C-alpha atoms as a PDB file:
ATOM      1  CA  MET A   1      19.573 225.052 142.387  1.00  0.00           C
ATOM      2  CA  ILE A   2      16.815 226.352 144.672  1.00  0.00           C
ATOM      3  CA  ARG A   3      15.053 222.998 144.450  1.00  0.00           C
ATOM      4  CA  LEU A   4      18.271 221.183 145.417  1.00  0.00           C
ATOM      5  CA  SER A   5      18.763 223.507 148.406  1.00  0.00           C
ATOM      6  CA  LYS A   6      15.225 222.736 149.579  1.00  0.00           C
ATOM      7  CA  GLN A   7      15.897 219.008 149.325  1.00  0.00           C
ATOM      8  CA  ILE A   8      19.084 219.385 151.398  1.00  0.00           C
ATOM      9  CA  CYS A   9      17.214 221.382 154.062  1.00  0.00           C
ATOM     10  CA  ILE A  10      14.463 218.754 154.207  1.00  0.00           C
ATOM     11  CA  ALA A  11      17.085 215.984 154.568  1.00  0.00           C
ATOM     12  CA  ILE A  12      18.814 217.879 157.402  1.00  0.00           C
ATOM     13  CA  CYS A  13      15.471 218.361 159.159  1.00  0.00           C
ATOM     14  CA  PHE A  14      14.766 214.628 158.952  1.00  0.00           C
ATOM     15  CA  VAL A  15      18.195 213.804 160.399  1.00  0.00           C
ATOM     16  CA  LEU A  16      17.761 216.292 163.246  1.00  0.00           C
ATOM     17  CA  ALA A  17      14.307 214.929 163.962  1.00  0.00           C
ATOM     18  CA  ALA A  18      15.671 211.376 164.073  1.00  0.00           C
ATOM     19  CA  VAL A  19      18.391 212.413 166.534  1.00  0.00           C
ATOM     20  CA  VAL A  20      16.421 214.809 168.728  1.00  0.00           C
ATOM     21  CA  SER A  21      13.120 212.935 168.974  1.00  0.00           C
ATOM     22  CA  PRO A  22      14.456 209.998 171.017  1.00  0.00           C
ATOM     23  CA  LEU A  23      16.113 212.471 173.372  1.00  0.00           C
ATOM     24  CA  MET A  24      12.798 214.209 174.091  1.00  0.00           C
ATOM     25  CA  ALA A  25      11.371 211.024 175.642  1.00  0.00           C
ATOM     26  CA  GLN A  26      13.092 209.680 178.733  1.00  0.00           C
ATOM     27  CA  ASN A  27      14.972 206.434 178.041  1.00  0.00           C
ATOM     28  CA  ASN A  28      15.762 203.928 180.790  1.00  0.00           C
ATOM     29  CA  PRO A  29      13.994 205.958 183.494  1.00  0.00           C
ATOM     30  CA  TYR A  30      14.963 203.583 186.335  1.00  0.00           C
ATOM     31  CA  VAL A  31      18.491 202.624 185.301  1.00  0.00           C
ATOM     32  CA  ASP A  32      20.073 204.827 187.988  1.00  0.00           C
ATOM     33  CA  ASP A  33      17.996 203.186 190.739  1.00  0.00           C
ATOM     34  CA  LYS A  34      19.955 199.923 190.473  1.00  0.00           C
ATOM     35  CA  LEU A  35      22.099 199.187 193.509  1.00  0.00           C
ATOM     36  CA  VAL A  36      24.893 197.698 191.371  1.00  0.00           C
ATOM     37  CA  HIS A  37      25.520 197.804 187.644  1.00  0.00           C
ATOM     38  CA  PHE A  38      28.438 196.997 185.341  1.00  0.00           C
ATOM     39  CA  GLY A  39      29.938 198.202 182.094  1.00  0.00           C
ATOM     40  CA  PHE A  40      33.119 198.730 180.110  1.00  0.00           C
ATOM     41  CA  SER A  41      35.119 201.681 178.801  1.00  0.00           C
ATOM     42  CA  LEU A  42      37.220 202.579 175.760  1.00  0.00           C
ATOM     43  CA  GLY A  43      39.353 205.671 175.454  1.00  0.00           C
ATOM     44  CA  VAL A  44      42.246 207.676 174.062  1.00  0.00           C
ATOM     45  CA  ASP A  45      45.160 208.856 176.248  1.00  0.00           C
ATOM     46  CA  MET A  46      47.655 211.690 176.020  1.00  0.00           C
ATOM     47  CA  LEU A  47      50.673 210.526 178.039  1.00  0.00           C
ATOM     48  CA  SER A  48      53.535 212.676 179.316  1.00  0.00           C
ATOM     49  CA  TYR A  49      56.005 213.177 182.172  1.00  0.00           C
ATOM     50  CA  SER A  50      56.597 215.989 184.577  1.00  0.00           C
ATOM     51  CA  VAL A  51      60.404 216.347 184.214  1.00  0.00           C
ATOM     52  CA  GLU A  52      62.899 217.599 186.790  1.00  0.00           C
ATOM     53  CA  GLU A  53      66.504 218.001 185.634  1.00  0.00           C
ATOM     54  CA  ALA A  54      69.589 216.893 187.499  1.00  0.00           C
ATOM     55  CA  ASP A  55      72.460 219.240 188.341  1.00  0.00           C
ATOM     56  CA  SER A  56      74.130 220.200 185.032  1.00  0.00           C
ATOM     57  CA  LEU A  57      77.547 220.632 186.680  1.00  0.00           C
ATOM     58  CA  LEU A  58      77.475 217.011 187.745  1.00  0.00           C
ATOM     59  CA  GLN A  59      76.859 215.958 184.142  1.00  0.00           C
ATOM     60  CA  MET A  60      79.803 218.063 182.923  1.00  0.00           C
ATOM     61  CA  GLN A  61      82.177 216.067 185.126  1.00  0.00           C
ATOM     62  CA  LYS A  62      80.976 212.712 183.822  1.00  0.00           C
ATOM     63  CA  TYR A  63      80.421 213.326 180.099  1.00  0.00           C
ATOM     64  CA  ASP A  64      81.915 215.341 177.260  1.00  0.00           C
ATOM     65  CA  ALA A  65      78.764 217.426 177.060  1.00  0.00           C
ATOM     66  CA  VAL A  66      76.075 218.674 179.370  1.00  0.00           C
ATOM     67  CA  TYR A  67      72.788 216.959 178.644  1.00  0.00           C
ATOM     68  CA  HIS A  68      69.551 218.713 179.505  1.00  0.00           C
ATOM     69  CA  ALA A  69      66.210 216.940 179.776  1.00  0.00           C
ATOM     70  CA  ARG A  70      64.060 219.742 178.482  1.00  0.00           C
ATOM     71  CA  THR A  71      60.444 218.658 178.119  1.00  0.00           C
ATOM     72  CA  SER A  72      58.202 215.648 177.869  1.00  0.00           C
ATOM     73  CA  VAL A  73      56.485 215.328 174.496  1.00  0.00           C
ATOM     74  CA  PRO A  74      52.883 214.036 174.820  1.00  0.00           C
ATOM     75  CA  GLY A  75      52.341 210.603 173.311  1.00  0.00           C
ATOM     76  CA  ILE A  76      49.022 209.181 172.119  1.00  0.00           C
ATOM     77  CA  GLY A  77      47.735 205.835 173.402  1.00  0.00           C
ATOM     78  CA  PHE A  78      44.485 204.044 174.073  1.00  0.00           C
ATOM     79  CA  CYS A  79      42.871 202.261 176.997  1.00  0.00           C
ATOM     80  CA  VAL A  80      40.244 199.651 177.853  1.00  0.00           C
ATOM     81  CA  GLY A  81      38.581 199.070 181.192  1.00  0.00           C
ATOM     82  CA  PHE A  82      35.854 197.436 183.260  1.00  0.00           C
ATOM     83  CA  ILE A  83      33.255 199.314 185.323  1.00  0.00           C
ATOM     84  CA  ALA A  84      31.570 198.220 188.571  1.00  0.00           C
ATOM     85  CA  ASP A  85      29.240 200.890 190.005  1.00  0.00           C
ATOM     86  CA  LEU A  86      27.672 200.923 193.495  1.00  0.00           C
ATOM     87  CA  ARG A  87      24.825 203.376 194.205  1.00  0.00           C
ATOM     88  CA  LEU A  88      25.412 205.117 197.545  1.00  0.00           C
ATOM     89  CA  ALA A  89      22.752 207.838 197.293  1.00  0.00           C
ATOM     90  CA  ARG A  90      20.622 209.617 194.696  1.00  0.00           C
ATOM     91  CA  HIS A  91      23.531 211.707 193.444  1.00  0.00           C
ATOM     92  CA  LEU A  92      26.481 209.670 194.713  1.00  0.00           C
ATOM     93  CA  ASN A  93      28.110 206.497 193.393  1.00  0.00           C
ATOM     94  CA  LEU A  94      31.239 204.505 194.205  1.00  0.00           C
ATOM     95  CA  ARG A  95      33.005 203.168 191.126  1.00  0.00           C
ATOM     96  CA  PHE A  96      35.706 200.538 190.697  1.00  0.00           C
ATOM     97  CA  CYS A  97      37.221 200.876 187.216  1.00  0.00           C
ATOM     98  CA  PRO A  98      40.281 198.658 186.605  1.00  0.00           C
ATOM     99  CA  GLY A  99      41.818 199.117 183.178  1.00  0.00           C
ATOM    100  CA  MET A 100      44.870 198.857 180.970  1.00  0.00           C
ATOM    101  CA  HIS A 101      46.617 201.536 178.916  1.00  0.00           C
ATOM    102  CA  PHE A 102      48.821 201.226 175.838  1.00  0.00           C
ATOM    103  CA  GLY A 103      51.152 204.022 174.729  1.00  0.00           C
ATOM    104  CA  GLU A 104      54.533 205.763 174.946  1.00  0.00           C
ATOM    105  CA  ARG A 105      56.000 208.717 176.788  1.00  0.00           C
ATOM    106  CA  THR A 106      58.844 210.708 175.229  1.00  0.00           C
ATOM    107  CA  ILE A 107      61.479 213.042 176.699  1.00  0.00           C
ATOM    108  CA  THR A 108      63.393 215.662 174.700  1.00  0.00           C
ATOM    109  CA  TYR A 109      67.132 215.975 175.397  1.00  0.00           C
ATOM    110  CA  LYS A 110      69.492 218.696 174.235  1.00  0.00           C
ATOM    111  CA  SER A 111      73.274 218.425 174.315  1.00  0.00           C
ATOM    112  CA  TYR A 112      75.428 221.537 174.680  1.00  0.00           C
ATOM    113  CA  GLN A 113      79.230 221.569 174.302  1.00  0.00           C
ATOM    114  CA  ASP A 114      81.395 223.685 176.601  1.00  0.00           C
ATOM    115  CA  SER A 115      81.368 226.491 174.056  1.00  0.00           C
ATOM    116  CA  VAL A 116      77.660 226.323 174.157  1.00  0.00           C
ATOM    117  CA  ILE A 117      77.441 228.796 176.831  1.00  0.00           C
ATOM    118  CA  SER A 118      76.548 230.930 173.816  1.00  0.00           C
ATOM    119  CA  GLY A 119      73.454 228.774 173.352  1.00  0.00           C
ATOM    120  CA  THR A 120      74.322 226.734 170.247  1.00  0.00           C
ATOM    121  CA  ASN A 121      72.195 223.600 170.068  1.00  0.00           C
ATOM    122  CA  CYS A 122      74.272 220.540 169.095  1.00  0.00           C
ATOM    123  CA  THR A 123      71.881 217.603 169.299  1.00  0.00           C
ATOM    124  CA  ASN A 124      68.226 216.934 169.976  1.00  0.00           C
ATOM    125  CA  ASN A 125      67.263 213.386 171.049  1.00  0.00           C
ATOM    126  CA  ARG A 126      63.841 212.042 171.917  1.00  0.00           C
ATOM    127  CA  PRO A 127      63.980 208.573 173.485  1.00  0.00           C
ATOM    128  CA  SER A 128      60.603 206.994 174.226  1.00  0.00           C
ATOM    129  CA  VAL A 129      59.413 204.807 177.092  1.00  0.00           C
ATOM    130  CA  LEU A 130      56.852 202.083 176.424  1.00  0.00           C
ATOM    131  CA  CYS A 131      53.901 202.277 178.836  1.00  0.00           C
ATOM    132  CA  LEU A 132      51.575 199.341 179.541  1.00  0.00           C
ATOM    133  CA  PRO A 133      50.135 200.166 182.970  1.00  0.00           C
ATOM    134  CA  ILE A 134      47.332 198.264 184.675  1.00  0.00           C
ATOM    135  CA  ASP A 135      45.252 200.587 186.879  1.00  0.00           C
ATOM    136  CA  ILE A 136      43.377 199.658 190.049  1.00  0.00           C
ATOM    137  CA  PRO A 137      41.416 202.832 190.938  1.00  0.00           C
ATOM    138  CA  LEU A 138      38.377 203.819 193.010  1.00  0.00           C
ATOM    139  CA  TYR A 139      36.253 206.863 192.193  1.00  0.00           C
ATOM    140  CA  ILE A 140      33.494 208.846 193.827  1.00  0.00           C
ATOM    141  CA  LYS A 141      30.972 210.029 191.233  1.00  0.00           C
ATOM    142  CA  TRP A 142      28.664 212.970 191.952  1.00  0.00           C
ATOM    143  CA  SER A 143      25.856 213.434 189.441  1.00  0.00           C
ATOM    144  CA  ALA A 144      23.542 216.402 188.891  1.00  0.00           C
ATOM    145  CA  GLU A 145      19.790 216.033 188.408  1.00  0.00           C
ATOM    146  CA  ARG A 146      18.834 214.195 185.264  1.00  0.00           C
ATOM    147  CA  GLU A 147      17.386 216.333 182.473  1.00  0.00           C
ATOM    148  CA  VAL A 148      15.460 214.057 180.084  1.00  0.00           C
ATOM    149  CA  ASN A 149      18.360 211.941 178.741  1.00  0.00           C
ATOM    150  CA  TYR A 150      21.321 214.013 179.968  1.00  0.00           C
ATOM    151  CA  ARG A 151      23.018 213.945 183.350  1.00  0.00           C
ATOM    152  CA  PRO A 152      26.385 215.704 183.887  1.00  0.00           C
ATOM    153  CA  TYR A 153      28.722 214.471 186.590  1.00  0.00           C
ATOM    154  CA  VAL A 154      32.171 214.838 188.116  1.00  0.00           C
ATOM    155  CA  THR A 155      34.456 212.105 189.452  1.00  0.00           C
ATOM    156  CA  LEU A 156      37.312 212.182 191.914  1.00  0.00           C
ATOM    157  CA  GLY A 157      39.491 209.259 192.882  1.00  0.00           C
ATOM    158  CA  GLY A 158      42.842 207.581 192.725  1.00  0.00           C
ATOM    159  CA  GLY A 159      44.622 204.299 192.938  1.00  0.00           C
ATOM    160  CA  VAL A 160      47.737 202.363 192.063  1.00  0.00           C
ATOM    161  CA  SER A 161      49.213 201.483 188.697  1.00  0.00           C
ATOM    162  CA  PHE A 162      51.536 198.628 187.714  1.00  0.00           C
ATOM    163  CA  ASP A 163      53.467 199.128 184.477  1.00  0.00           C
ATOM    164  CA  LEU A 164      54.015 195.938 182.467  1.00  0.00           C
ATOM    165  CA  GLY A 165      55.974 197.838 179.799  1.00  0.00           C
ATOM    166  CA  ARG A 166      59.116 198.145 181.911  1.00  0.00           C
ATOM    167  CA  SER A 167      62.005 197.166 179.664  1.00  0.00           C
ATOM    168  CA  LYS A 168      65.728 196.890 180.412  1.00  0.00           C
ATOM    169  CA  ASP A 169      66.439 197.604 176.737  1.00  0.00           C
ATOM    170  CA  LYS A 170      65.209 201.213 177.023  1.00  0.00           C
ATOM    171  CA  VAL A 171      67.436 204.178 177.845  1.00  0.00           C
ATOM    172  CA  ILE A 172      65.016 205.132 180.635  1.00  0.00           C
ATOM    173  CA  LEU A 173      64.124 202.377 183.094  1.00  0.00           C
ATOM    174  CA  GLN A 174      60.797 203.281 184.668  1.00  0.00           C
ATOM    175  CA  LYS A 175      59.716 201.881 188.022  1.00  0.00           C
ATOM    176  CA  THR A 176      56.851 199.432 187.946  1.00  0.00           C
ATOM    177  CA  MET A 177      54.527 200.943 190.550  1.00  0.00           C
ATOM    178  CA  ASP A 178      52.918 204.375 190.672  1.00  0.00           C
ATOM    179  CA  TYR A 179      50.073 205.857 192.669  1.00  0.00           C
ATOM    180  CA  PHE A 180      47.906 208.648 191.324  1.00  0.00           C
ATOM    181  CA  LEU A 181      45.041 211.084 191.784  1.00  0.00           C
ATOM    182  CA  GLU A 182      42.488 211.606 189.026  1.00  0.00           C
ATOM    183  CA  VAL A 183      39.620 214.027 188.407  1.00  0.00           C
ATOM    184  CA  GLY A 184      37.033 213.696 185.665  1.00  0.00           C
ATOM    185  CA  LEU A 185      34.154 215.548 184.051  1.00  0.00           C
ATOM    186  CA  GLY A 186      31.516 213.759 182.001  1.00  0.00           C
ATOM    187  CA  CYS A 187      27.880 213.427 181.042  1.00  0.00           C
ATOM    188  CA  ASP A 188      25.574 210.381 181.046  1.00  0.00           C
ATOM    189  CA  LEU A 189      23.612 210.041 177.794  1.00  0.00           C
ATOM    190  CA  TYR A 190      20.635 207.698 178.146  1.00  0.00           C
ATOM    191  CA  PHE A 191      19.619 205.462 175.284  1.00  0.00           C
ATOM    192  CA  ARG A 192      16.986 202.782 175.141  1.00  0.00           C
ATOM    193  CA  TRP A 193      19.191 199.845 176.083  1.00  0.00           C
ATOM    194  CA  PHE A 194      22.311 201.390 177.591  1.00  0.00           C
ATOM    195  CA  LYS A 195      24.013 204.501 178.935  1.00  0.00           C
ATOM    196  CA  LEU A 196      26.914 206.186 177.121  1.00  0.00           C
ATOM    197  CA  ALA A 197      29.078 208.571 179.139  1.00  0.00           C
ATOM    198  CA  PRO A 198      31.860 210.562 177.443  1.00  0.00           C
ATOM    199  CA  GLU A 199      34.321 211.685 180.110  1.00  0.00           C
ATOM    200  CA  ILE A 200      37.530 213.728 180.238  1.00  0.00           C
ATOM    201  CA  ARG A 201      40.002 212.753 182.983  1.00  0.00           C
ATOM    202  CA  TYR A 202      43.186 214.366 184.193  1.00  0.00           C
ATOM    203  CA  ARG A 203      45.686 212.276 186.148  1.00  0.00           C
ATOM    204  CA  ILE A 204      48.780 213.180 188.098  1.00  0.00           C
ATOM    205  CA  GLY A 205      51.187 210.591 189.486  1.00  0.00           C
ATOM    206  CA  PHE A 206      52.953 211.058 192.819  1.00  0.00           C
ATOM    207  CA  ASN A 207      55.707 208.453 192.684  1.00  0.00           C
ATOM    208  CA  ASN A 208      59.112 209.264 191.202  1.00  0.00           C
ATOM    209  CA  VAL A 209      59.160 206.553 188.527  1.00  0.00           C
ATOM    210  CA  LEU A 210      62.784 207.170 187.489  1.00  0.00           C
ATOM    211  CA  THR A 211      65.162 204.310 188.271  1.00  0.00           C
ATOM    212  CA  PRO A 212      68.634 205.828 188.975  1.00  0.00           C
ATOM    213  CA  THR A 213      71.656 204.373 187.190  1.00  0.00           C
ATOM    214  CA  SER A 214      72.999 202.891 190.451  1.00  0.00           C
ATOM    215  CA  ASP A 215      69.871 200.745 190.741  1.00  0.00           C
ATOM    216  CA  CYS A 216      69.794 200.021 186.992  1.00  0.00           C
ATOM    217  CA  GLU A 217      73.267 198.452 187.159  1.00  0.00           C
ATOM    218  CA  LYS A 218      72.104 196.131 189.953  1.00  0.00           C
ATOM    219  CA  GLU A 219      69.229 194.963 187.750  1.00  0.00           C
ATOM    220  CA  ASP A 220      71.474 193.966 184.833  1.00  0.00           C
ATOM    221  CA  TRP A 221      70.394 196.940 182.726  1.00  0.00           C
ATOM    222  CA  LYS A 222      70.982 196.124 179.062  1.00  0.00           C
ATOM    223  CA  LEU A 223      72.394 199.501 178.025  1.00  0.00           C
ATOM    224  CA  PRO A 224      75.920 200.721 177.189  1.00  0.00           C
ATOM    225  CA  ALA A 225      77.468 202.900 179.888  1.00  0.00           C
ATOM    226  CA  ALA A 226      77.881 205.639 177.273  1.00  0.00           C
ATOM    227  CA  ASP A 227      74.082 206.051 177.249  1.00  0.00           C
ATOM    228  CA  PHE A 228      73.734 206.511 181.001  1.00  0.00           C
ATOM    229  CA  PHE A 229      73.471 210.268 180.474  1.00  0.00           C
ATOM    230  CA  TYR A 230      69.785 209.817 179.570  1.00  0.00           C
ATOM    231  CA  THR A 231      69.087 208.852 183.168  1.00  0.00           C
ATOM    232  CA  ASP A 232      71.803 210.952 184.817  1.00  0.00           C
ATOM    233  CA  ALA A 233      70.363 214.110 183.245  1.00  0.00           C
ATOM    234  CA  LEU A 234      67.182 213.547 185.300  1.00  0.00           C
ATOM    235  CA  SER A 235      66.413 213.805 188.982  1.00  0.00           C
ATOM    236  CA  LYS A 236      62.675 213.038 188.934  1.00  0.00           C
ATOM    237  CA  LEU A 237      59.952 211.774 186.586  1.00  0.00           C
ATOM    238  CA  THR A 238      56.268 211.749 187.471  1.00  0.00           C
ATOM    239  CA  ASN A 239      53.488 210.525 185.214  1.00  0.00           C
ATOM    240  CA  GLN A 240      50.825 212.821 183.794  1.00  0.00           C
ATOM    241  CA  GLN A 241      47.875 211.839 181.660  1.00  0.00           C
ATOM    242  CA  ILE A 242      44.789 213.299 179.988  1.00  0.00           C
ATOM    243  CA  SER A 243      42.193 210.810 178.761  1.00  0.00           C
ATOM    244  CA  LEU A 244      39.005 210.937 176.730  1.00  0.00           C
ATOM    245  CA  ILE A 245      36.965 207.976 177.954  1.00  0.00           C
ATOM    246  CA  PHE A 246      33.716 206.512 176.585  1.00  0.00           C
ATOM    247  CA  ASN A 247      31.865 204.550 179.281  1.00  0.00           C
ATOM    248  CA  PHE A 248      29.225 202.035 178.209  1.00  0.00           C
ATOM    249  CA  GLU A 249      26.929 200.980 181.068  1.00  0.00           C
END
């Protein structure tokens, strides 16, 4: 048993040596001196809405029950993108990172009958909205001093987004265009032939992407009038997103 433990320790030491040794020597020492470089990104998204309810009394006049849009349930998606980086100064870069996201956002609804003033929950619905936005953003990237093969950085930027997942078959008809602000925190990891940069980004949208029922009817919305309460229970929807991005440059 002692012999086996020694063998495991030796194996772990070899693995650590194989991982740490390349990081002790500086890889790609001049990669950040390039005026322009390119890359691509892959990532995972957590998509949600910031929800604002409509006036409940208005809903009571139009439907048999009062429908409350309670919360937005985060949905998981993924994204791919292209990177074009322009070096402005030693610690400052301008980045153009168009990309596409794939996922769903979900809203929780609760229906309360008139007697529900006591708080009895009658139904709980969670309709989803397909999201296929194409982003056109610009970022400013500020990087710290490089330490061997590590270089932390922060990004700040924004842009516009065009959602190709807009569907007239859904109970929520989302507007196509949104504009957003995004902040990120990441770290460049330098390898022999490329740079890998894991990055966490938080995004907040500013446009109210909810299409009201009056506009939906003009657009030949393919939904029974009995389901209009999904939209009428809302006054505002704004996009929110947290992403874990892996940049390859």
